[in-house]
Amino acid sequence: MTTVMTSMTPSPIESDPPCARSDLRASSKPRNVLAPYPTPMTDEKQSTFLVTHVESDSAVLKDVHDGQVHTLSSNPGLAVDDAVEATVAPDPPMEVTYGVIEVGDRWPLSIERSEEPPTVQERELAAELSVGELTREPRAGTGEIHVLCPPEDRTDDAVDDVIDDREGTLSRAARLGVNRVEIRSEPGVLSVRYLP
């Protein structure tokens, strides 16, 4: 069991700071491939993405590993809250939007608040925590269980925080390769169950 001090809800994934761009003026000198700053992205990128917005002719994907956002120049049939394993690449010449090179696995994600109380195992995990602490426990098979100990009078607020942080919660589900997030609670105990 891993226990970490944290706020009452898991922090959403934070994007890395934007890459600093090197001077784009014409130069006769060859590019220094060992430059300390990353060069502009021109290659294909393969990752797992969360679909955060769609229109008939475009979609917005968030990389669930590094938090980078990619706006697609077309929509290959994606829906909001889908998780998708895909390969994308910048569209020339401006490289502002991205095209989908290949789509692998794709699955819908959901969040639900259960009327069931936390399980015996989850209560036992919570009993070992102090108020404000969080522990993560692998499930047998696929997924994880996160148990938090909010103050008893703020348990409902903690549940709302998890639900309101939809993008962060679903990004975590996509990283774990699960389909749904189930939230159970009772005063002083909150379990966030990432389930297949």
N, C-alpha and C. Protein backbone atom coordinates (compact mmCIF):
# COMPACT_ATOMS: atom_id res chain seq x y z
N MET A 1 0.85 -1.18 0.00
CA MET A 1 0.00 0.00 0.00
C MET A 1 0.89 1.23 0.00
N THR A 2 0.59 2.17 -0.88
CA THR A 2 1.36 3.40 -0.95
C THR A 2 0.52 4.53 -0.41
N THR A 3 1.05 5.28 0.55
CA THR A 3 0.33 6.38 1.16
C THR A 3 1.08 7.66 0.90
N VAL A 4 0.37 8.67 0.43
CA VAL A 4 1.00 9.96 0.17
C VAL A 4 0.14 11.05 0.78
N MET A 5 0.81 12.12 1.20
CA MET A 5 0.09 13.29 1.68
C MET A 5 -0.38 14.08 0.48
N THR A 6 -1.62 14.46 0.50
CA THR A 6 -2.14 15.21 -0.65
C THR A 6 -3.36 15.96 -0.21
N SER A 7 -3.91 16.74 -1.13
CA SER A 7 -5.21 17.36 -0.87
C SER A 7 -6.28 16.29 -0.96
N MET A 8 -7.53 16.67 -0.75
CA MET A 8 -8.58 15.67 -0.65
C MET A 8 -8.87 14.97 -1.96
N THR A 9 -8.47 15.55 -3.07
CA THR A 9 -8.73 14.91 -4.36
C THR A 9 -7.44 14.79 -5.11
N PRO A 10 -7.31 13.75 -5.96
CA PRO A 10 -6.09 13.60 -6.73
C PRO A 10 -5.91 14.80 -7.63
N SER A 11 -4.67 15.27 -7.74
CA SER A 11 -4.40 16.41 -8.59
C SER A 11 -4.50 16.00 -10.04
N PRO A 12 -5.11 16.84 -10.89
CA PRO A 12 -5.15 16.53 -12.31
C PRO A 12 -3.75 16.58 -12.89
N ILE A 13 -3.56 15.89 -13.96
CA ILE A 13 -2.26 15.89 -14.62
C ILE A 13 -1.91 17.31 -15.02
N GLU A 14 -0.67 17.68 -14.80
CA GLU A 14 -0.23 19.02 -15.14
C GLU A 14 0.61 18.95 -16.40
N SER A 15 0.32 19.85 -17.34
CA SER A 15 1.08 19.87 -18.57
C SER A 15 2.47 20.40 -18.30
N ASP A 16 3.44 19.88 -19.03
CA ASP A 16 4.77 20.43 -18.95
C ASP A 16 4.74 21.84 -19.50
N PRO A 17 5.68 22.71 -19.07
CA PRO A 17 5.71 24.06 -19.61
C PRO A 17 5.96 24.03 -21.10
N PRO A 18 5.39 25.00 -21.84
CA PRO A 18 5.58 25.00 -23.29
C PRO A 18 7.05 25.00 -23.64
N CYS A 19 7.39 24.30 -24.72
CA CYS A 19 8.77 24.25 -25.16
C CYS A 19 9.19 25.63 -25.65
N ALA A 20 10.35 26.05 -25.22
CA ALA A 20 10.87 27.31 -25.73
C ALA A 20 11.32 27.10 -27.17
N ARG A 21 10.98 28.04 -28.04
CA ARG A 21 11.36 27.91 -29.44
C ARG A 21 12.70 28.58 -29.67
N SER A 22 13.53 27.94 -30.46
CA SER A 22 14.81 28.53 -30.80
C SER A 22 14.59 29.65 -31.81
N ASP A 23 15.60 30.45 -32.01
CA ASP A 23 15.52 31.56 -32.94
C ASP A 23 15.22 31.03 -34.33
N LEU A 24 14.15 31.51 -34.98
CA LEU A 24 13.73 30.97 -36.26
C LEU A 24 14.29 31.75 -37.44
N ARG A 25 15.17 32.74 -37.20
CA ARG A 25 15.74 33.49 -38.31
C ARG A 25 16.65 32.60 -39.13
N ALA A 26 16.74 32.93 -40.42
CA ALA A 26 17.56 32.13 -41.32
C ALA A 26 19.01 32.16 -40.85
N SER A 27 19.68 31.04 -40.96
CA SER A 27 21.07 30.96 -40.54
C SER A 27 21.78 29.95 -41.42
N SER A 28 23.02 30.23 -41.70
CA SER A 28 23.81 29.30 -42.51
C SER A 28 24.39 28.19 -41.66
N LYS A 29 24.32 28.33 -40.34
CA LYS A 29 24.88 27.31 -39.46
C LYS A 29 23.93 26.12 -39.35
N PRO A 30 24.45 24.90 -39.32
CA PRO A 30 23.58 23.73 -39.14
C PRO A 30 22.94 23.75 -37.76
N ARG A 31 21.76 23.13 -37.65
CA ARG A 31 21.07 23.07 -36.36
C ARG A 31 21.88 22.23 -35.38
N ASN A 32 22.02 22.71 -34.19
CA ASN A 32 22.73 21.99 -33.14
C ASN A 32 21.77 21.00 -32.50
N VAL A 33 21.90 19.72 -32.81
CA VAL A 33 20.96 18.72 -32.32
C VAL A 33 21.10 18.49 -30.81
N LEU A 34 22.15 19.03 -30.23
CA LEU A 34 22.34 18.89 -28.79
C LEU A 34 21.92 20.16 -28.06
N ALA A 35 21.13 21.01 -28.74
CA ALA A 35 20.67 22.25 -28.11
C ALA A 35 19.88 21.91 -26.85
N PRO A 36 19.93 22.77 -25.83
CA PRO A 36 19.27 22.46 -24.55
C PRO A 36 17.76 22.51 -24.60
N TYR A 37 17.17 23.11 -25.67
CA TYR A 37 15.73 23.21 -25.76
C TYR A 37 15.22 22.28 -26.85
N PRO A 38 14.05 21.65 -26.64
CA PRO A 38 13.50 20.77 -27.66
C PRO A 38 13.20 21.56 -28.93
N THR A 39 13.41 20.92 -30.07
CA THR A 39 13.08 21.56 -31.35
C THR A 39 11.59 21.40 -31.59
N PRO A 40 10.98 22.23 -32.47
CA PRO A 40 9.54 22.11 -32.74
C PRO A 40 9.18 20.70 -33.17
N MET A 41 8.03 20.23 -32.73
CA MET A 41 7.60 18.88 -33.02
C MET A 41 7.23 18.74 -34.50
N THR A 42 7.91 17.83 -35.18
CA THR A 42 7.59 17.59 -36.58
C THR A 42 7.34 16.11 -36.84
N ASP A 43 7.55 15.27 -35.86
CA ASP A 43 7.42 13.84 -36.05
C ASP A 43 6.09 13.33 -35.54
N GLU A 44 5.79 12.11 -35.92
CA GLU A 44 4.58 11.46 -35.44
C GLU A 44 4.68 11.22 -33.93
N LYS A 45 3.52 11.22 -33.28
CA LYS A 45 3.46 10.97 -31.84
C LYS A 45 2.42 9.90 -31.59
N GLN A 46 2.83 8.85 -30.90
CA GLN A 46 1.92 7.75 -30.56
C GLN A 46 1.68 7.79 -29.06
N SER A 47 0.40 7.81 -28.66
CA SER A 47 0.09 7.89 -27.24
C SER A 47 -1.37 7.51 -27.01
N THR A 48 -1.78 7.63 -25.76
CA THR A 48 -3.19 7.48 -25.38
C THR A 48 -3.74 8.87 -25.12
N PHE A 49 -4.90 9.15 -25.70
CA PHE A 49 -5.49 10.49 -25.62
C PHE A 49 -6.90 10.41 -25.05
N LEU A 50 -7.30 11.51 -24.41
CA LEU A 50 -8.69 11.71 -23.99
C LEU A 50 -9.30 12.73 -24.94
N VAL A 51 -10.47 12.41 -25.48
CA VAL A 51 -11.17 13.35 -26.36
C VAL A 51 -11.94 14.33 -25.48
N THR A 52 -11.56 15.61 -25.55
CA THR A 52 -12.17 16.61 -24.68
C THR A 52 -13.20 17.48 -25.38
N HIS A 53 -13.17 17.52 -26.72
CA HIS A 53 -14.12 18.36 -27.47
C HIS A 53 -14.20 17.82 -28.89
N VAL A 54 -15.39 17.83 -29.46
CA VAL A 54 -15.55 17.39 -30.85
C VAL A 54 -16.49 18.32 -31.61
N GLU A 55 -16.23 18.44 -32.89
CA GLU A 55 -17.14 19.04 -33.84
C GLU A 55 -17.17 18.11 -35.04
N SER A 56 -18.02 18.41 -36.01
CA SER A 56 -18.15 17.50 -37.16
C SER A 56 -16.85 17.37 -37.94
N ASP A 57 -16.06 18.44 -37.95
CA ASP A 57 -14.84 18.42 -38.76
C ASP A 57 -13.57 18.60 -37.94
N SER A 58 -13.63 18.44 -36.64
CA SER A 58 -12.43 18.57 -35.82
C SER A 58 -12.66 17.92 -34.46
N ALA A 59 -11.57 17.78 -33.73
CA ALA A 59 -11.65 17.24 -32.37
C ALA A 59 -10.43 17.71 -31.60
N VAL A 60 -10.53 17.71 -30.29
CA VAL A 60 -9.41 18.10 -29.43
C VAL A 60 -9.05 16.90 -28.56
N LEU A 61 -7.77 16.53 -28.61
CA LEU A 61 -7.25 15.40 -27.85
C LEU A 61 -6.28 15.90 -26.79
N LYS A 62 -6.34 15.29 -25.61
CA LYS A 62 -5.37 15.57 -24.55
C LYS A 62 -4.56 14.31 -24.29
N ASP A 63 -3.26 14.42 -24.42
CA ASP A 63 -2.38 13.30 -24.12
C ASP A 63 -2.46 13.02 -22.62
N VAL A 64 -2.85 11.81 -22.25
CA VAL A 64 -3.07 11.52 -20.83
C VAL A 64 -1.77 11.27 -20.07
N HIS A 65 -0.65 11.23 -20.81
CA HIS A 65 0.64 11.02 -20.16
C HIS A 65 1.38 12.33 -19.91
N ASP A 66 1.37 13.24 -20.88
CA ASP A 66 2.12 14.49 -20.69
C ASP A 66 1.23 15.73 -20.64
N GLY A 67 -0.09 15.55 -20.83
CA GLY A 67 -1.02 16.67 -20.73
C GLY A 67 -1.07 17.56 -21.94
N GLN A 68 -0.29 17.28 -22.99
CA GLN A 68 -0.29 18.14 -24.17
C GLN A 68 -1.61 18.03 -24.92
N VAL A 69 -2.09 19.16 -25.43
CA VAL A 69 -3.36 19.21 -26.15
C VAL A 69 -3.10 19.31 -27.64
N HIS A 70 -3.84 18.52 -28.43
CA HIS A 70 -3.68 18.49 -29.88
C HIS A 70 -5.05 18.74 -30.52
N THR A 71 -5.13 19.76 -31.36
CA THR A 71 -6.35 20.03 -32.11
C THR A 71 -6.25 19.34 -33.46
N LEU A 72 -7.22 18.48 -33.76
CA LEU A 72 -7.21 17.74 -35.02
C LEU A 72 -7.88 18.54 -36.11
N SER A 73 -7.38 18.39 -37.34
CA SER A 73 -7.95 19.08 -38.50
C SER A 73 -9.14 18.31 -39.08
N SER A 74 -9.44 17.14 -38.53
CA SER A 74 -10.61 16.37 -38.94
C SER A 74 -11.05 15.53 -37.75
N ASN A 75 -12.23 14.94 -37.86
CA ASN A 75 -12.73 14.10 -36.78
C ASN A 75 -12.99 12.70 -37.33
N PRO A 76 -12.14 11.72 -36.97
CA PRO A 76 -12.32 10.36 -37.47
C PRO A 76 -13.36 9.57 -36.68
N GLY A 77 -14.50 10.21 -36.35
CA GLY A 77 -15.58 9.52 -35.66
C GLY A 77 -15.42 9.46 -34.15
N LEU A 78 -14.70 10.39 -33.57
CA LEU A 78 -14.47 10.39 -32.13
C LEU A 78 -15.62 11.09 -31.39
N ALA A 79 -15.80 10.74 -30.11
CA ALA A 79 -16.83 11.35 -29.27
C ALA A 79 -16.18 11.83 -27.99
N VAL A 80 -16.78 12.86 -27.37
CA VAL A 80 -16.27 13.38 -26.11
C VAL A 80 -16.24 12.27 -25.06
N ASP A 81 -15.19 12.25 -24.26
CA ASP A 81 -14.94 11.27 -23.20
C ASP A 81 -14.50 9.92 -23.74
N ASP A 82 -14.16 9.84 -25.02
CA ASP A 82 -13.51 8.64 -25.54
C ASP A 82 -12.06 8.64 -25.10
N ALA A 83 -11.52 7.46 -24.84
CA ALA A 83 -10.08 7.27 -24.77
C ALA A 83 -9.66 6.60 -26.07
N VAL A 84 -8.55 7.04 -26.62
CA VAL A 84 -8.13 6.49 -27.91
C VAL A 84 -6.62 6.38 -27.95
N GLU A 85 -6.16 5.23 -28.40
CA GLU A 85 -4.73 5.06 -28.67
C GLU A 85 -4.53 5.39 -30.13
N ALA A 86 -3.72 6.38 -30.40
CA ALA A 86 -3.60 6.87 -31.78
C ALA A 86 -2.20 7.41 -32.04
N THR A 87 -1.92 7.55 -33.33
CA THR A 87 -0.71 8.21 -33.79
C THR A 87 -1.12 9.48 -34.51
N VAL A 88 -0.58 10.61 -34.09
CA VAL A 88 -0.90 11.89 -34.70
C VAL A 88 0.39 12.55 -35.19
N ALA A 89 0.23 13.49 -36.11
CA ALA A 89 1.38 14.23 -36.62
C ALA A 89 0.92 15.62 -37.01
N PRO A 90 1.79 16.64 -36.87
CA PRO A 90 1.42 18.00 -37.23
C PRO A 90 1.11 18.12 -38.72
N ASP A 91 0.11 18.96 -39.03
CA ASP A 91 -0.24 19.23 -40.42
C ASP A 91 0.69 20.29 -40.99
N PRO A 92 1.33 20.00 -42.12
CA PRO A 92 2.15 21.02 -42.74
C PRO A 92 1.26 22.07 -43.41
N PRO A 93 1.74 23.30 -43.68
CA PRO A 93 3.11 23.73 -43.32
C PRO A 93 3.19 24.41 -41.96
N MET A 94 2.05 24.83 -41.40
CA MET A 94 2.08 25.63 -40.17
C MET A 94 2.26 24.79 -38.91
N GLU A 95 1.87 23.52 -38.96
CA GLU A 95 1.97 22.63 -37.81
C GLU A 95 1.18 23.13 -36.61
N VAL A 96 0.03 23.77 -36.89
CA VAL A 96 -0.84 24.26 -35.83
C VAL A 96 -1.85 23.20 -35.43
N THR A 97 -2.38 22.50 -36.43
CA THR A 97 -3.31 21.39 -36.18
C THR A 97 -2.61 20.07 -36.46
N TYR A 98 -3.30 18.99 -36.07
CA TYR A 98 -2.73 17.66 -36.23
C TYR A 98 -3.65 16.78 -37.06
N GLY A 99 -3.04 15.83 -37.75
CA GLY A 99 -3.79 14.82 -38.45
C GLY A 99 -3.61 13.48 -37.77
N VAL A 100 -4.62 12.62 -37.90
CA VAL A 100 -4.54 11.29 -37.31
C VAL A 100 -3.94 10.34 -38.34
N ILE A 101 -2.81 9.77 -38.00
CA ILE A 101 -2.14 8.82 -38.89
C ILE A 101 -2.73 7.43 -38.73
N GLU A 102 -3.01 7.05 -37.50
CA GLU A 102 -3.54 5.71 -37.23
C GLU A 102 -4.31 5.72 -35.91
N VAL A 103 -5.43 5.01 -35.87
CA VAL A 103 -6.21 4.85 -34.64
C VAL A 103 -6.15 3.39 -34.23
N GLY A 104 -5.76 3.17 -32.98
CA GLY A 104 -5.72 1.81 -32.44
C GLY A 104 -6.97 1.55 -31.62
N ASP A 105 -6.76 1.13 -30.37
CA ASP A 105 -7.91 0.87 -29.49
C ASP A 105 -8.63 2.17 -29.14
N ARG A 106 -9.92 2.05 -28.97
CA ARG A 106 -10.75 3.19 -28.60
C ARG A 106 -11.85 2.69 -27.67
N TRP A 107 -12.10 3.40 -26.57
CA TRP A 107 -13.15 2.97 -25.64
C TRP A 107 -13.76 4.17 -24.94
N PRO A 108 -15.06 4.10 -24.61
CA PRO A 108 -15.71 5.21 -23.90
C PRO A 108 -15.39 5.16 -22.42
N LEU A 109 -15.36 6.34 -21.80
CA LEU A 109 -15.12 6.46 -20.37
C LEU A 109 -16.32 7.10 -19.69
N SER A 110 -16.54 6.74 -18.43
CA SER A 110 -17.67 7.32 -17.70
C SER A 110 -17.32 7.46 -16.23
N ILE A 111 -18.04 8.39 -15.57
CA ILE A 111 -17.93 8.58 -14.12
C ILE A 111 -19.32 8.43 -13.53
N GLU A 112 -19.43 7.67 -12.45
CA GLU A 112 -20.72 7.55 -11.79
C GLU A 112 -20.55 7.58 -10.28
N ARG A 113 -21.54 8.16 -9.62
CA ARG A 113 -21.56 8.18 -8.16
C ARG A 113 -22.47 7.06 -7.69
N SER A 114 -21.91 6.10 -6.99
CA SER A 114 -22.66 4.94 -6.54
C SER A 114 -23.37 5.22 -5.22
N GLU A 115 -24.52 4.60 -5.05
CA GLU A 115 -25.22 4.67 -3.78
C GLU A 115 -24.66 3.67 -2.78
N GLU A 116 -23.80 2.75 -3.25
CA GLU A 116 -23.20 1.75 -2.36
C GLU A 116 -22.12 2.41 -1.49
N PRO A 117 -21.98 1.96 -0.24
CA PRO A 117 -20.92 2.50 0.62
C PRO A 117 -19.56 1.92 0.22
N PRO A 118 -18.48 2.50 0.72
CA PRO A 118 -17.16 1.91 0.50
C PRO A 118 -17.12 0.46 1.00
N THR A 119 -16.27 -0.35 0.39
CA THR A 119 -16.16 -1.75 0.78
C THR A 119 -15.41 -1.88 2.11
N VAL A 120 -15.45 -3.09 2.66
CA VAL A 120 -14.71 -3.37 3.89
C VAL A 120 -13.23 -3.07 3.68
N GLN A 121 -12.67 -3.51 2.55
CA GLN A 121 -11.26 -3.26 2.28
C GLN A 121 -10.96 -1.76 2.24
N GLU A 122 -11.85 -1.00 1.61
CA GLU A 122 -11.63 0.45 1.52
C GLU A 122 -11.72 1.12 2.89
N ARG A 123 -12.62 0.65 3.73
CA ARG A 123 -12.70 1.19 5.09
C ARG A 123 -11.44 0.86 5.89
N GLU A 124 -10.92 -0.34 5.69
CA GLU A 124 -9.70 -0.72 6.39
C GLU A 124 -8.52 0.14 5.94
N LEU A 125 -8.45 0.41 4.65
CA LEU A 125 -7.40 1.28 4.13
C LEU A 125 -7.54 2.68 4.72
N ALA A 126 -8.77 3.18 4.78
CA ALA A 126 -9.01 4.52 5.32
C ALA A 126 -8.64 4.62 6.79
N ALA A 127 -8.83 3.52 7.53
CA ALA A 127 -8.54 3.53 8.97
C ALA A 127 -7.06 3.76 9.25
N GLU A 128 -6.21 3.48 8.26
CA GLU A 128 -4.77 3.66 8.43
C GLU A 128 -4.30 5.05 8.02
N LEU A 129 -5.21 5.88 7.54
CA LEU A 129 -4.85 7.20 7.04
C LEU A 129 -5.24 8.29 8.02
N SER A 130 -4.55 9.41 7.90
CA SER A 130 -4.94 10.61 8.62
C SER A 130 -5.84 11.45 7.71
N VAL A 131 -6.55 12.39 8.30
CA VAL A 131 -7.41 13.27 7.52
C VAL A 131 -6.57 14.00 6.47
N GLY A 132 -7.06 13.98 5.24
CA GLY A 132 -6.35 14.64 4.14
C GLY A 132 -5.41 13.73 3.38
N GLU A 133 -5.22 12.50 3.83
CA GLU A 133 -4.31 11.59 3.14
C GLU A 133 -5.05 10.77 2.09
N LEU A 134 -4.25 10.26 1.16
CA LEU A 134 -4.74 9.44 0.05
C LEU A 134 -3.87 8.21 -0.09
N THR A 135 -4.47 7.08 -0.38
CA THR A 135 -3.70 5.89 -0.69
C THR A 135 -4.23 5.28 -1.99
N ARG A 136 -3.34 4.65 -2.73
CA ARG A 136 -3.69 3.98 -3.98
C ARG A 136 -3.42 2.50 -3.83
N GLU A 137 -4.37 1.69 -4.25
CA GLU A 137 -4.26 0.24 -4.12
C GLU A 137 -4.59 -0.40 -5.46
N PRO A 138 -3.68 -1.22 -6.02
CA PRO A 138 -4.02 -1.90 -7.28
C PRO A 138 -5.19 -2.85 -7.09
N ARG A 139 -6.02 -2.96 -8.12
CA ARG A 139 -7.09 -3.96 -8.10
C ARG A 139 -6.55 -5.27 -8.63
N ALA A 140 -7.19 -6.36 -8.26
CA ALA A 140 -6.85 -7.64 -8.86
C ALA A 140 -7.27 -7.57 -10.33
N GLY A 141 -6.32 -7.74 -11.21
CA GLY A 141 -6.62 -7.61 -12.63
C GLY A 141 -6.27 -6.22 -13.12
N THR A 142 -7.27 -5.46 -13.55
CA THR A 142 -7.06 -4.14 -14.13
C THR A 142 -7.65 -3.06 -13.24
N GLY A 143 -6.94 -1.94 -13.15
CA GLY A 143 -7.49 -0.79 -12.44
C GLY A 143 -6.83 -0.50 -11.11
N GLU A 144 -7.39 0.48 -10.41
CA GLU A 144 -6.87 0.92 -9.12
C GLU A 144 -8.01 1.40 -8.26
N ILE A 145 -7.76 1.42 -6.96
CA ILE A 145 -8.70 2.01 -6.01
C ILE A 145 -7.95 3.12 -5.28
N HIS A 146 -8.53 4.32 -5.30
CA HIS A 146 -7.97 5.43 -4.53
C HIS A 146 -8.89 5.68 -3.33
N VAL A 147 -8.31 5.69 -2.16
CA VAL A 147 -9.08 5.94 -0.94
C VAL A 147 -8.58 7.23 -0.32
N LEU A 148 -9.49 8.15 -0.05
CA LEU A 148 -9.17 9.44 0.55
C LEU A 148 -9.90 9.57 1.88
N CYS A 149 -9.30 10.37 2.76
CA CYS A 149 -9.93 10.64 4.06
C CYS A 149 -10.19 12.13 4.21
N PRO A 150 -11.30 12.62 3.68
CA PRO A 150 -11.65 14.02 3.89
C PRO A 150 -12.23 14.21 5.29
N PRO A 151 -12.30 15.44 5.78
CA PRO A 151 -13.05 15.68 7.02
C PRO A 151 -14.48 15.20 6.84
N GLU A 152 -15.06 14.63 7.89
CA GLU A 152 -16.39 14.03 7.76
C GLU A 152 -17.43 15.01 7.21
N ASP A 153 -17.34 16.28 7.64
CA ASP A 153 -18.34 17.24 7.20
C ASP A 153 -18.08 17.79 5.80
N ARG A 154 -16.99 17.35 5.17
CA ARG A 154 -16.68 17.81 3.82
C ARG A 154 -16.59 16.67 2.82
N THR A 155 -17.13 15.52 3.20
CA THR A 155 -17.05 14.36 2.29
C THR A 155 -17.80 14.62 0.99
N ASP A 156 -19.00 15.19 1.07
CA ASP A 156 -19.76 15.48 -0.15
C ASP A 156 -19.02 16.46 -1.05
N ASP A 157 -18.35 17.44 -0.45
CA ASP A 157 -17.56 18.39 -1.24
C ASP A 157 -16.42 17.67 -1.96
N ALA A 158 -15.80 16.71 -1.29
CA ALA A 158 -14.71 15.96 -1.91
C ALA A 158 -15.22 15.13 -3.08
N VAL A 159 -16.40 14.54 -2.93
CA VAL A 159 -17.01 13.80 -4.04
C VAL A 159 -17.25 14.73 -5.22
N ASP A 160 -17.80 15.90 -4.94
CA ASP A 160 -18.08 16.87 -6.01
C ASP A 160 -16.78 17.29 -6.71
N ASP A 161 -15.70 17.43 -5.94
CA ASP A 161 -14.42 17.82 -6.54
C ASP A 161 -13.95 16.79 -7.56
N VAL A 162 -14.08 15.51 -7.21
CA VAL A 162 -13.66 14.45 -8.13
C VAL A 162 -14.51 14.48 -9.40
N ILE A 163 -15.82 14.64 -9.23
CA ILE A 163 -16.72 14.66 -10.39
C ILE A 163 -16.48 15.89 -11.23
N ASP A 164 -16.27 17.05 -10.59
CA ASP A 164 -16.06 18.29 -11.34
C ASP A 164 -14.74 18.28 -12.10
N ASP A 165 -13.74 17.59 -11.56
CA ASP A 165 -12.46 17.47 -12.27
C ASP A 165 -12.55 16.32 -13.27
N ARG A 166 -13.54 16.43 -14.15
CA ARG A 166 -13.84 15.35 -15.09
C ARG A 166 -12.64 15.01 -15.97
N GLU A 167 -12.00 16.04 -16.49
CA GLU A 167 -10.88 15.82 -17.41
C GLU A 167 -9.73 15.10 -16.71
N GLY A 168 -9.39 15.53 -15.49
CA GLY A 168 -8.32 14.88 -14.76
C GLY A 168 -8.66 13.45 -14.37
N THR A 169 -9.91 13.25 -13.92
CA THR A 169 -10.33 11.91 -13.50
C THR A 169 -10.37 10.95 -14.67
N LEU A 170 -10.90 11.39 -15.82
CA LEU A 170 -10.97 10.51 -16.99
C LEU A 170 -9.60 10.29 -17.61
N SER A 171 -8.72 11.29 -17.53
CA SER A 171 -7.35 11.09 -18.02
C SER A 171 -6.66 9.98 -17.23
N ARG A 172 -6.88 9.98 -15.93
CA ARG A 172 -6.31 8.93 -15.08
C ARG A 172 -6.89 7.56 -15.46
N ALA A 173 -8.18 7.52 -15.73
CA ALA A 173 -8.81 6.26 -16.15
C ALA A 173 -8.23 5.77 -17.46
N ALA A 174 -8.01 6.69 -18.40
CA ALA A 174 -7.44 6.30 -19.68
C ALA A 174 -6.01 5.77 -19.51
N ARG A 175 -5.22 6.39 -18.64
CA ARG A 175 -3.87 5.91 -18.39
C ARG A 175 -3.88 4.49 -17.83
N LEU A 176 -4.88 4.21 -16.99
CA LEU A 176 -4.97 2.88 -16.38
C LEU A 176 -5.61 1.85 -17.31
N GLY A 177 -6.17 2.31 -18.44
CA GLY A 177 -6.77 1.40 -19.40
C GLY A 177 -8.12 0.85 -18.96
N VAL A 178 -8.85 1.62 -18.14
CA VAL A 178 -10.16 1.15 -17.66
C VAL A 178 -11.27 1.90 -18.37
N ASN A 179 -12.51 1.46 -18.13
CA ASN A 179 -13.67 2.05 -18.81
C ASN A 179 -14.46 3.02 -17.95
N ARG A 180 -14.47 2.79 -16.64
CA ARG A 180 -15.37 3.61 -15.83
C ARG A 180 -14.77 3.92 -14.47
N VAL A 181 -15.27 5.01 -13.91
CA VAL A 181 -14.86 5.45 -12.59
C VAL A 181 -16.10 5.43 -11.70
N GLU A 182 -16.02 4.69 -10.61
CA GLU A 182 -17.14 4.61 -9.67
C GLU A 182 -16.71 5.25 -8.35
N ILE A 183 -17.55 6.14 -7.84
CA ILE A 183 -17.24 6.87 -6.61
C ILE A 183 -18.17 6.39 -5.51
N ARG A 184 -17.60 5.97 -4.39
CA ARG A 184 -18.37 5.58 -3.22
C ARG A 184 -17.92 6.44 -2.03
N SER A 185 -18.85 6.68 -1.13
CA SER A 185 -18.46 7.51 0.01
C SER A 185 -19.34 7.25 1.22
N GLU A 186 -18.80 7.58 2.38
CA GLU A 186 -19.52 7.71 3.63
C GLU A 186 -18.74 8.76 4.44
N PRO A 187 -19.30 9.32 5.49
CA PRO A 187 -18.60 10.40 6.18
C PRO A 187 -17.17 10.03 6.56
N GLY A 188 -16.20 10.80 6.02
CA GLY A 188 -14.80 10.59 6.33
C GLY A 188 -14.08 9.60 5.45
N VAL A 189 -14.81 8.96 4.51
CA VAL A 189 -14.19 7.98 3.61
C VAL A 189 -14.71 8.21 2.20
N LEU A 190 -13.77 8.31 1.26
CA LEU A 190 -14.12 8.46 -0.16
C LEU A 190 -13.29 7.48 -0.96
N SER A 191 -13.93 6.64 -1.74
CA SER A 191 -13.20 5.73 -2.61
C SER A 191 -13.52 6.07 -4.07
N VAL A 192 -12.45 6.14 -4.86
CA VAL A 192 -12.56 6.38 -6.30
C VAL A 192 -12.06 5.10 -6.97
N ARG A 193 -12.97 4.38 -7.60
CA ARG A 193 -12.68 3.05 -8.10
C ARG A 193 -12.55 3.11 -9.63
N TYR A 194 -11.35 2.77 -10.12
CA TYR A 194 -11.09 2.76 -11.57
C TYR A 194 -11.26 1.32 -12.05
N LEU A 195 -12.35 1.10 -12.78
CA LEU A 195 -12.82 -0.26 -13.05
C LEU A 195 -12.87 -0.55 -14.56
N PRO A 196 -12.62 -1.81 -14.94
CA PRO A 196 -12.73 -2.19 -16.35
C PRO A 196 -14.19 -2.25 -16.80
